[in-house]
Amino acid sequence: MDQVKSNPHDNYFVIKENYEILQSIVDHLDAMVAYWDINQVCVFANNAYYDWFGKKRDQIIGHTQEELLGPLYPKNLPYILAAYEGQKTVFEREITVLDGTVRHSLATYTPHIVDGQVHGIFVHVANVTPLKILEHELRLAKERAEALATHDFLTGLPNRVLLQDRIIQALELAKRKNHMVAILSIDIDDFKMINDTYGHDKGDRILVEIASRTKSLLRESDTMTRMGGDEFLLLAVEIKSSAQAETLASRILKIGSQPFQLEDVVVLTTFSVGIALYPHDGTTPEALIANSDRALFVAKKHAKNCFAFAEQEEIH
């Protein structure tokens, strides 16, 4: 039976067609694919190099990695050398593309090993910018969620959850160091009238401004919290005397008496403040907050625009 001999000419076209198909596939990848020989000279590169570096294939083939990468080369060199020593390396890097934007990439250098010898390296560089953007957005979302869980939505001040934890820490520290802790309950006098007269939007702006102004009084270790409505609570740690708490309360009253300029409206306010001191007025967060609220009631009942101590129930 006669054997059909293959035609070398036909084989050439089959190989050429397959090569062109493979080249077309590689050229349509949104990733840089290349092969660099033992001398770090490019033997093959796809069209993604043009999109990323602004260089066509014939401007890359026959050139070294150093010529292509320029200032990026020293940063990549440890990974390049490791790959030529037979180690597959994977790392992230940033590349500034033609339009000036920064593209985040994941580079993989795979050594080409024949009979135990490295003949070159295969390079694959993928665009991971969308993943980096998503990662950044998820991180911001997580931070926002954590902030909402521990901070007041209107003023941005720590909320009751965070306050409770900080009071516990302050009391533990005060017990070890034999210091006092002051809890000051602060209320805006006749705030309902302000809301009724000027509207809740302006009332909210006053609350935000009060939070901002009061922050200027605080040490880094102190905590200001909005308890709800127009009531705030201030935790002052490492207080050495009742006089120090009195001075702080006087400064808060002064802030409350400063006018609020809301567009064409000037709003005047006053504060009432109740003070409870650890350990005189309680040794737990619940007891101290309750006693500071009781002192606040005394201040509002007697005169407003004043402060009162829980233990003595006196007004100033």
Foldseek 3Di string as FASTA:
>chain_A
DDDDDDDVVVVVVVVVVVVVVVLVVQQPDCKWKWWAWLVQATQDIHQNLCQFQVDGGVRRHRDHPCVRCPVCCVVCVVQQVVQQVQDKDWDWDWGQGDVRDIFIKIKIWHFDADPRHTGTTIIIIHTCRVVVVVVVVVVVVVVVVVQVVQADPLQSFGEPVVVQVLVVVQLVVCVVVVFKKKKKKKAWPPLVVVCVVPNVVVSSVVLNVLSVVLVVVDDPSKGWYDHDDRMIMIIDHRHHDVVVVQVSVLVSQVVQQDWDDDPPDIDGIGMEMFMEMPPVQHSHPVRRVVLRVVQSVLRNVPPGSWGGYSVVSDTD
